[in-house]
Amino acid sequence: MTTALAPDRTSPSPVKINGLEVIAIEFAETPLSTPEKPVHFKQIVKILLEDGSVVYGCAWAGCGFIRDTAIAVRPHLKAHKPDTDTGKKLDAPDVNTLTVGELLELAGSAQTLRLDLERTTRERDRLAKSLDEWKQRAQTAQRRLNSIQKALAPVT
């Protein structure tokens, strides 16, 4: 089983790509991004190398797939999707066979996913409450508009 790599984690040892040390890793921006509202890919990372160059890679831990553009990484992501046509399920890893580094990476990814889930759940609850409030306001406005229309109907 592979897990998504948390880009904000720093690696315990220097990682190199094409002989150059990795300086920073962050989720890559999508073409939908604007300066006011950045939108990021969830499975593609932007990798800054020591010479200032940038490459893009698959965010799955241990994958190592890298290309010059984020869009060039997208077709590769199919390799990580479970085969739903045949009903295959991904098996959980045997933690007894994992190294300490792999366990720490797995725990970090799980922590990141848990925090994302909590944040998303809070946002969903806030939006649901806001939706209920706006729905009540719209219904009240509709009733008032109907009353006004009924009152003005004989005049026109």
N, C-alpha and C. Protein backbone atom coordinates (compact mmCIF):
# COMPACT_ATOMS: atom_id res chain seq x y z
N MET A 1 0.84 -1.18 0.00
CA MET A 1 0.00 0.00 0.00
C MET A 1 0.88 1.24 0.00
N THR A 2 0.49 2.22 -0.78
CA THR A 2 1.21 3.49 -0.78
C THR A 2 0.31 4.55 -0.18
N THR A 3 0.93 5.57 0.38
CA THR A 3 0.17 6.66 0.97
C THR A 3 0.66 7.95 0.38
N ALA A 4 -0.16 8.97 0.47
CA ALA A 4 0.22 10.28 -0.05
C ALA A 4 1.30 10.87 0.83
N LEU A 5 2.31 11.41 0.22
CA LEU A 5 3.41 12.06 0.93
C LEU A 5 2.97 13.46 1.33
N ALA A 6 3.18 13.80 2.57
CA ALA A 6 2.87 15.15 3.02
C ALA A 6 4.00 16.06 2.58
N PRO A 7 3.77 16.99 1.63
CA PRO A 7 4.84 17.80 1.08
C PRO A 7 5.51 18.72 2.07
N ASP A 8 4.84 19.06 3.17
CA ASP A 8 5.45 19.99 4.11
C ASP A 8 6.42 19.30 5.07
N ARG A 9 6.52 17.98 5.00
CA ARG A 9 7.46 17.26 5.85
C ARG A 9 8.86 17.34 5.26
N THR A 10 9.84 17.52 6.10
CA THR A 10 11.20 17.50 5.62
C THR A 10 11.75 16.10 5.79
N SER A 11 12.50 15.67 4.83
CA SER A 11 13.06 14.33 4.85
C SER A 11 14.23 14.28 5.83
N PRO A 12 14.43 13.15 6.53
CA PRO A 12 15.52 13.06 7.48
C PRO A 12 16.89 13.10 6.80
N SER A 13 16.98 12.65 5.57
CA SER A 13 18.24 12.71 4.85
C SER A 13 18.01 13.45 3.54
N PRO A 14 19.07 14.11 3.01
CA PRO A 14 18.90 14.87 1.77
C PRO A 14 18.44 13.96 0.63
N VAL A 15 17.41 14.42 -0.08
CA VAL A 15 16.90 13.70 -1.22
C VAL A 15 17.44 14.37 -2.47
N LYS A 16 17.85 13.57 -3.45
CA LYS A 16 18.40 14.13 -4.68
C LYS A 16 17.59 13.65 -5.87
N ILE A 17 17.43 14.55 -6.83
CA ILE A 17 16.78 14.25 -8.10
C ILE A 17 17.72 14.75 -9.19
N ASN A 18 18.04 13.87 -10.12
CA ASN A 18 18.99 14.19 -11.19
C ASN A 18 20.31 14.74 -10.63
N GLY A 19 20.71 14.24 -9.48
CA GLY A 19 21.96 14.66 -8.85
C GLY A 19 21.88 15.97 -8.10
N LEU A 20 20.71 16.59 -8.06
CA LEU A 20 20.53 17.86 -7.37
C LEU A 20 19.70 17.66 -6.11
N GLU A 21 20.11 18.34 -5.03
CA GLU A 21 19.41 18.21 -3.76
C GLU A 21 18.06 18.92 -3.82
N VAL A 22 17.05 18.30 -3.21
CA VAL A 22 15.71 18.89 -3.14
C VAL A 22 15.70 19.94 -2.05
N ILE A 23 15.29 21.15 -2.39
CA ILE A 23 15.24 22.26 -1.45
C ILE A 23 13.86 22.36 -0.80
N ALA A 24 12.80 22.24 -1.61
CA ALA A 24 11.43 22.37 -1.08
C ALA A 24 10.47 21.55 -1.91
N ILE A 25 9.42 21.09 -1.25
CA ILE A 25 8.35 20.35 -1.91
C ILE A 25 7.03 20.95 -1.45
N GLU A 26 6.15 21.25 -2.41
CA GLU A 26 4.81 21.75 -2.09
C GLU A 26 3.84 21.24 -3.14
N PHE A 27 2.56 21.25 -2.82
CA PHE A 27 1.58 20.82 -3.80
C PHE A 27 1.57 21.80 -4.96
N ALA A 28 1.52 21.28 -6.17
CA ALA A 28 1.56 22.11 -7.38
C ALA A 28 0.21 22.79 -7.60
N GLU A 29 0.27 24.01 -8.15
CA GLU A 29 -0.95 24.74 -8.47
C GLU A 29 -1.54 24.22 -9.77
N THR A 30 -2.87 24.21 -9.84
CA THR A 30 -3.57 23.78 -11.05
C THR A 30 -3.73 24.96 -11.99
N PRO A 31 -4.10 24.72 -13.24
CA PRO A 31 -4.37 25.83 -14.16
C PRO A 31 -5.54 26.70 -13.71
N LEU A 32 -6.36 26.22 -12.78
CA LEU A 32 -7.49 26.99 -12.27
C LEU A 32 -7.07 28.03 -11.24
N SER A 33 -5.83 28.01 -10.81
CA SER A 33 -5.32 28.91 -9.79
C SER A 33 -5.35 30.36 -10.26
N THR A 34 -5.66 31.23 -9.32
CA THR A 34 -5.53 32.67 -9.55
C THR A 34 -4.73 33.24 -8.38
N PRO A 35 -4.16 34.43 -8.53
CA PRO A 35 -3.41 35.01 -7.41
C PRO A 35 -4.28 35.20 -6.17
N GLU A 36 -5.57 35.47 -6.37
CA GLU A 36 -6.47 35.67 -5.23
C GLU A 36 -6.87 34.35 -4.58
N LYS A 37 -7.00 33.31 -5.40
CA LYS A 37 -7.45 32.03 -4.88
C LYS A 37 -6.65 30.90 -5.51
N PRO A 38 -5.55 30.50 -4.87
CA PRO A 38 -4.77 29.40 -5.42
C PRO A 38 -5.50 28.06 -5.27
N VAL A 39 -5.40 27.24 -6.31
CA VAL A 39 -6.00 25.90 -6.30
C VAL A 39 -4.86 24.91 -6.55
N HIS A 40 -4.75 23.90 -5.70
CA HIS A 40 -3.63 22.97 -5.78
C HIS A 40 -4.07 21.57 -6.16
N PHE A 41 -3.19 20.86 -6.89
CA PHE A 41 -3.40 19.45 -7.14
C PHE A 41 -3.26 18.72 -5.81
N LYS A 42 -3.94 17.58 -5.66
CA LYS A 42 -3.84 16.80 -4.43
C LYS A 42 -2.82 15.67 -4.55
N GLN A 43 -2.44 15.33 -5.79
CA GLN A 43 -1.52 14.20 -5.97
C GLN A 43 -0.29 14.58 -6.78
N ILE A 44 -0.08 15.86 -7.03
CA ILE A 44 1.09 16.31 -7.80
C ILE A 44 1.83 17.36 -6.98
N VAL A 45 3.13 17.17 -6.83
CA VAL A 45 3.94 18.11 -6.06
C VAL A 45 4.91 18.87 -6.97
N LYS A 46 5.20 20.08 -6.54
CA LYS A 46 6.19 20.93 -7.20
C LYS A 46 7.47 20.80 -6.37
N ILE A 47 8.58 20.47 -7.03
CA ILE A 47 9.82 20.20 -6.33
C ILE A 47 10.87 21.22 -6.77
N LEU A 48 11.37 22.01 -5.82
CA LEU A 48 12.41 23.00 -6.09
C LEU A 48 13.76 22.34 -5.83
N LEU A 49 14.65 22.41 -6.83
CA LEU A 49 15.97 21.80 -6.71
C LEU A 49 17.02 22.87 -6.37
N GLU A 50 18.19 22.42 -5.92
CA GLU A 50 19.22 23.34 -5.44
C GLU A 50 19.71 24.33 -6.48
N ASP A 51 19.60 24.02 -7.77
CA ASP A 51 20.04 24.96 -8.80
C ASP A 51 18.94 25.94 -9.20
N GLY A 52 17.79 25.89 -8.49
CA GLY A 52 16.69 26.81 -8.77
C GLY A 52 15.68 26.26 -9.77
N SER A 53 15.98 25.12 -10.37
CA SER A 53 15.04 24.54 -11.33
C SER A 53 13.88 23.87 -10.59
N VAL A 54 12.80 23.66 -11.31
CA VAL A 54 11.60 23.07 -10.74
C VAL A 54 11.19 21.87 -11.58
N VAL A 55 10.83 20.79 -10.90
CA VAL A 55 10.25 19.62 -11.56
C VAL A 55 8.97 19.29 -10.80
N TYR A 56 8.15 18.46 -11.41
CA TYR A 56 6.88 18.07 -10.81
C TYR A 56 6.86 16.56 -10.66
N GLY A 57 6.26 16.10 -9.57
CA GLY A 57 6.26 14.67 -9.33
C GLY A 57 4.99 14.16 -8.72
N CYS A 58 4.89 12.86 -8.70
CA CYS A 58 3.76 12.17 -8.08
C CYS A 58 3.92 12.27 -6.57
N ALA A 59 2.84 12.58 -5.87
CA ALA A 59 2.91 12.77 -4.42
C ALA A 59 2.85 11.46 -3.64
N TRP A 60 2.62 10.35 -4.31
CA TRP A 60 2.54 9.07 -3.61
C TRP A 60 3.92 8.69 -3.07
N ALA A 61 3.96 8.30 -1.81
CA ALA A 61 5.21 7.96 -1.15
C ALA A 61 5.93 6.84 -1.90
N GLY A 62 7.20 7.05 -2.15
CA GLY A 62 8.03 6.03 -2.77
C GLY A 62 7.84 5.89 -4.27
N CYS A 63 7.03 6.72 -4.89
CA CYS A 63 6.74 6.55 -6.32
C CYS A 63 7.91 7.02 -7.18
N GLY A 64 8.35 8.24 -7.03
CA GLY A 64 9.49 8.73 -7.77
C GLY A 64 9.22 9.17 -9.20
N PHE A 65 7.97 9.20 -9.65
CA PHE A 65 7.64 9.63 -11.01
C PHE A 65 7.78 11.14 -11.11
N ILE A 66 8.59 11.62 -12.06
CA ILE A 66 8.89 13.05 -12.17
C ILE A 66 8.82 13.47 -13.63
N ARG A 67 8.30 14.68 -13.87
CA ARG A 67 8.24 15.27 -15.21
C ARG A 67 8.51 16.77 -15.10
N ASP A 68 8.65 17.41 -16.26
CA ASP A 68 8.95 18.84 -16.30
C ASP A 68 7.73 19.73 -16.02
N THR A 69 6.51 19.21 -16.25
CA THR A 69 5.30 19.98 -16.00
C THR A 69 4.33 19.17 -15.15
N ALA A 70 3.45 19.87 -14.45
CA ALA A 70 2.46 19.20 -13.61
C ALA A 70 1.48 18.41 -14.48
N ILE A 71 1.11 18.97 -15.61
CA ILE A 71 0.15 18.32 -16.50
C ILE A 71 0.71 16.99 -17.01
N ALA A 72 2.02 16.90 -17.20
CA ALA A 72 2.64 15.66 -17.68
C ALA A 72 2.59 14.55 -16.63
N VAL A 73 2.36 14.90 -15.37
CA VAL A 73 2.29 13.90 -14.29
C VAL A 73 0.88 13.30 -14.21
N ARG A 74 -0.13 14.05 -14.64
CA ARG A 74 -1.53 13.62 -14.47
C ARG A 74 -1.83 12.23 -15.02
N PRO A 75 -1.42 11.87 -16.25
CA PRO A 75 -1.76 10.54 -16.75
C PRO A 75 -1.18 9.42 -15.89
N HIS A 76 -0.03 9.67 -15.27
CA HIS A 76 0.62 8.67 -14.43
C HIS A 76 -0.22 8.31 -13.21
N LEU A 77 -1.03 9.24 -12.71
CA LEU A 77 -1.78 9.03 -11.47
C LEU A 77 -2.73 7.84 -11.57
N LYS A 78 -3.11 7.44 -12.77
CA LYS A 78 -3.98 6.27 -12.94
C LYS A 78 -3.32 5.01 -12.38
N ALA A 79 -2.01 4.99 -12.34
CA ALA A 79 -1.29 3.83 -11.83
C ALA A 79 -1.58 3.58 -10.35
N HIS A 80 -2.02 4.60 -9.64
CA HIS A 80 -2.27 4.48 -8.21
C HIS A 80 -3.74 4.22 -7.87
N LYS A 81 -4.60 4.22 -8.88
CA LYS A 81 -6.02 3.97 -8.62
C LYS A 81 -6.25 2.48 -8.46
N PRO A 82 -7.11 2.09 -7.52
CA PRO A 82 -7.41 0.66 -7.37
C PRO A 82 -8.18 0.16 -8.59
N ASP A 83 -7.99 -1.10 -8.92
CA ASP A 83 -8.67 -1.70 -10.06
C ASP A 83 -10.10 -2.03 -9.64
N THR A 84 -11.02 -1.09 -9.88
CA THR A 84 -12.40 -1.26 -9.43
C THR A 84 -13.18 -2.19 -10.35
N ASP A 85 -12.74 -2.38 -11.59
CA ASP A 85 -13.48 -3.24 -12.51
C ASP A 85 -13.46 -4.69 -12.04
N THR A 86 -12.35 -5.12 -11.51
CA THR A 86 -12.24 -6.52 -11.08
C THR A 86 -12.57 -6.68 -9.60
N GLY A 87 -12.88 -5.57 -8.94
CA GLY A 87 -13.27 -5.66 -7.53
C GLY A 87 -12.09 -5.84 -6.59
N LYS A 88 -10.88 -5.60 -7.05
CA LYS A 88 -9.71 -5.74 -6.19
C LYS A 88 -9.71 -4.64 -5.15
N LYS A 89 -9.27 -4.98 -3.96
CA LYS A 89 -9.14 -4.00 -2.89
C LYS A 89 -7.67 -3.89 -2.52
N LEU A 90 -7.30 -2.70 -2.08
CA LEU A 90 -5.93 -2.51 -1.62
C LEU A 90 -5.79 -3.13 -0.24
N ASP A 91 -4.74 -3.88 -0.05
CA ASP A 91 -4.48 -4.50 1.25
C ASP A 91 -3.70 -3.53 2.13
N ALA A 92 -3.98 -3.58 3.41
CA ALA A 92 -3.23 -2.77 4.35
C ALA A 92 -1.82 -3.34 4.45
N PRO A 93 -0.83 -2.47 4.62
CA PRO A 93 0.55 -2.97 4.70
C PRO A 93 0.77 -3.75 5.99
N ASP A 94 1.67 -4.69 5.92
CA ASP A 94 2.08 -5.43 7.12
C ASP A 94 3.10 -4.55 7.84
N VAL A 95 2.68 -3.93 8.93
CA VAL A 95 3.56 -2.98 9.63
C VAL A 95 4.81 -3.65 10.19
N ASN A 96 4.78 -4.97 10.35
CA ASN A 96 5.96 -5.67 10.86
C ASN A 96 7.09 -5.70 9.83
N THR A 97 6.76 -5.48 8.55
CA THR A 97 7.79 -5.52 7.51
C THR A 97 8.28 -4.14 7.11
N LEU A 98 7.67 -3.08 7.66
CA LEU A 98 8.06 -1.72 7.30
C LEU A 98 9.25 -1.25 8.13
N THR A 99 10.05 -0.38 7.53
CA THR A 99 11.17 0.21 8.26
C THR A 99 10.63 1.33 9.16
N VAL A 100 11.45 1.79 10.07
CA VAL A 100 11.05 2.88 10.96
C VAL A 100 10.73 4.13 10.15
N GLY A 101 11.52 4.41 9.13
CA GLY A 101 11.28 5.57 8.27
C GLY A 101 9.94 5.47 7.56
N GLU A 102 9.62 4.27 7.06
CA GLU A 102 8.34 4.07 6.38
C GLU A 102 7.18 4.21 7.36
N LEU A 103 7.37 3.71 8.59
CA LEU A 103 6.33 3.86 9.61
C LEU A 103 6.10 5.32 9.96
N LEU A 104 7.20 6.08 10.10
CA LEU A 104 7.08 7.51 10.41
C LEU A 104 6.39 8.25 9.27
N GLU A 105 6.74 7.89 8.04
CA GLU A 105 6.12 8.52 6.88
C GLU A 105 4.62 8.19 6.84
N LEU A 106 4.29 6.95 7.11
CA LEU A 106 2.89 6.52 7.14
C LEU A 106 2.13 7.25 8.24
N ALA A 107 2.74 7.39 9.40
CA ALA A 107 2.10 8.10 10.52
C ALA A 107 1.93 9.58 10.20
N GLY A 108 2.93 10.19 9.58
CA GLY A 108 2.83 11.59 9.18
C GLY A 108 1.73 11.81 8.16
N SER A 109 1.63 10.91 7.20
CA SER A 109 0.57 11.01 6.19
C SER A 109 -0.80 10.83 6.83
N ALA A 110 -0.91 9.89 7.76
CA ALA A 110 -2.18 9.67 8.44
C ALA A 110 -2.57 10.90 9.25
N GLN A 111 -1.60 11.52 9.90
CA GLN A 111 -1.86 12.73 10.69
C GLN A 111 -2.34 13.85 9.77
N THR A 112 -1.68 14.03 8.65
CA THR A 112 -2.08 15.06 7.69
C THR A 112 -3.50 14.81 7.19
N LEU A 113 -3.80 13.57 6.85
CA LEU A 113 -5.14 13.24 6.37
C LEU A 113 -6.20 13.45 7.46
N ARG A 114 -5.87 13.11 8.71
CA ARG A 114 -6.81 13.30 9.81
C ARG A 114 -7.10 14.78 10.01
N LEU A 115 -6.05 15.61 9.98
CA LEU A 115 -6.24 17.06 10.14
C LEU A 115 -7.07 17.63 8.99
N ASP A 116 -6.79 17.17 7.76
CA ASP A 116 -7.57 17.62 6.61
C ASP A 116 -9.03 17.23 6.75
N LEU A 117 -9.29 16.02 7.22
CA LEU A 117 -10.66 15.56 7.41
C LEU A 117 -11.38 16.40 8.46
N GLU A 118 -10.70 16.69 9.58
CA GLU A 118 -11.31 17.51 10.62
C GLU A 118 -11.62 18.92 10.11
N ARG A 119 -10.68 19.50 9.38
CA ARG A 119 -10.87 20.84 8.83
C ARG A 119 -12.03 20.86 7.83
N THR A 120 -12.09 19.85 6.98
CA THR A 120 -13.16 19.75 5.99
C THR A 120 -14.51 19.53 6.66
N THR A 121 -14.55 18.73 7.70
CA THR A 121 -15.79 18.48 8.43
C THR A 121 -16.30 19.76 9.08
N ARG A 122 -15.40 20.52 9.70
CA ARG A 122 -15.79 21.80 10.31
C ARG A 122 -16.33 22.76 9.26
N GLU A 123 -15.67 22.83 8.12
CA GLU A 123 -16.10 23.72 7.04
C GLU A 123 -17.47 23.28 6.49
N ARG A 124 -17.66 21.98 6.34
CA ARG A 124 -18.95 21.46 5.86
C ARG A 124 -20.07 21.83 6.84
N ASP A 125 -19.81 21.66 8.13
CA ASP A 125 -20.82 21.99 9.14
C ASP A 125 -21.13 23.49 9.13
N ARG A 126 -20.10 24.31 8.98
CA ARG A 126 -20.31 25.76 8.92
C ARG A 126 -21.15 26.13 7.71
N LEU A 127 -20.85 25.54 6.56
CA LEU A 127 -21.60 25.83 5.35
C LEU A 127 -23.03 25.33 5.43
N ALA A 128 -23.26 24.18 6.07
CA ALA A 128 -24.62 23.66 6.22
C ALA A 128 -25.45 24.61 7.08
N LYS A 129 -24.85 25.13 8.15
CA LYS A 129 -25.55 26.08 9.01
C LYS A 129 -25.87 27.36 8.23
N SER A 130 -24.90 27.84 7.47
CA SER A 130 -25.10 29.04 6.66
C SER A 130 -26.20 28.81 5.62
N LEU A 131 -26.23 27.64 5.02
CA LEU A 131 -27.25 27.31 4.03
C LEU A 131 -28.64 27.36 4.66
N ASP A 132 -28.78 26.80 5.85
CA ASP A 132 -30.07 26.82 6.55
C ASP A 132 -30.53 28.25 6.82
N GLU A 133 -29.59 29.10 7.25
CA GLU A 133 -29.93 30.50 7.52
C GLU A 133 -30.38 31.22 6.25
N TRP A 134 -29.66 31.02 5.17
CA TRP A 134 -30.01 31.68 3.90
C TRP A 134 -31.33 31.14 3.35
N LYS A 135 -31.59 29.86 3.54
CA LYS A 135 -32.84 29.28 3.06
C LYS A 135 -34.02 29.92 3.80
N GLN A 136 -33.91 30.10 5.12
CA GLN A 136 -34.97 30.73 5.90
C GLN A 136 -35.19 32.18 5.45
N ARG A 137 -34.10 32.89 5.19
CA ARG A 137 -34.22 34.28 4.73
C ARG A 137 -34.89 34.35 3.37
N ALA A 138 -34.56 33.42 2.49
CA ALA A 138 -35.16 33.40 1.15
C ALA A 138 -36.65 33.09 1.24
N GLN A 139 -37.03 32.16 2.09
CA GLN A 139 -38.44 31.82 2.24
C GLN A 139 -39.23 33.00 2.82
N THR A 140 -38.65 33.70 3.79
CA THR A 140 -39.30 34.88 4.36
C THR A 140 -39.46 35.96 3.30
N ALA A 141 -38.42 36.18 2.51
CA ALA A 141 -38.49 37.18 1.44
C ALA A 141 -39.54 36.80 0.39
N GLN A 142 -39.63 35.52 0.07
CA GLN A 142 -40.63 35.05 -0.90
C GLN A 142 -42.05 35.30 -0.37
N ARG A 143 -42.28 35.02 0.91
CA ARG A 143 -43.61 35.27 1.50
C ARG A 143 -43.95 36.76 1.47
N ARG A 144 -42.98 37.61 1.79
CA ARG A 144 -43.21 39.06 1.77
C ARG A 144 -43.49 39.54 0.35
N LEU A 145 -42.75 39.03 -0.61
CA LEU A 145 -42.96 39.41 -2.01
C LEU A 145 -44.35 39.00 -2.48
N ASN A 146 -44.77 37.78 -2.10
CA ASN A 146 -46.12 37.32 -2.46
C ASN A 146 -47.18 38.23 -1.86
N SER A 147 -46.99 38.65 -0.60
CA SER A 147 -47.94 39.56 0.06
C SER A 147 -48.01 40.90 -0.67
N ILE A 148 -46.87 41.41 -1.04
CA ILE A 148 -46.82 42.70 -1.76
C ILE A 148 -47.51 42.57 -3.11
N GLN A 149 -47.25 41.46 -3.83
CA GLN A 149 -47.88 41.25 -5.13
C GLN A 149 -49.39 41.15 -5.00
N LYS A 150 -49.87 40.44 -3.96
CA LYS A 150 -51.33 40.33 -3.74
C LYS A 150 -51.94 41.70 -3.43
N ALA A 151 -51.22 42.49 -2.63
CA ALA A 151 -51.74 43.81 -2.26
C ALA A 151 -51.77 44.75 -3.46
N LEU A 152 -50.83 44.64 -4.36
CA LEU A 152 -50.77 45.54 -5.52
C LEU A 152 -51.58 45.02 -6.71
N ALA A 153 -51.98 43.79 -6.71
CA ALA A 153 -52.68 43.19 -7.86
C ALA A 153 -53.93 43.97 -8.23
N PRO A 154 -54.83 44.35 -7.30
CA PRO A 154 -56.03 45.08 -7.71
C PRO A 154 -55.73 46.50 -8.23
N VAL A 155 -54.61 47.08 -7.82
CA VAL A 155 -54.26 48.44 -8.21
C VAL A 155 -53.86 48.51 -9.68
N THR A 156 -53.13 47.53 -10.17
CA THR A 156 -52.62 47.61 -11.54
C THR A 156 -53.59 47.18 -12.57
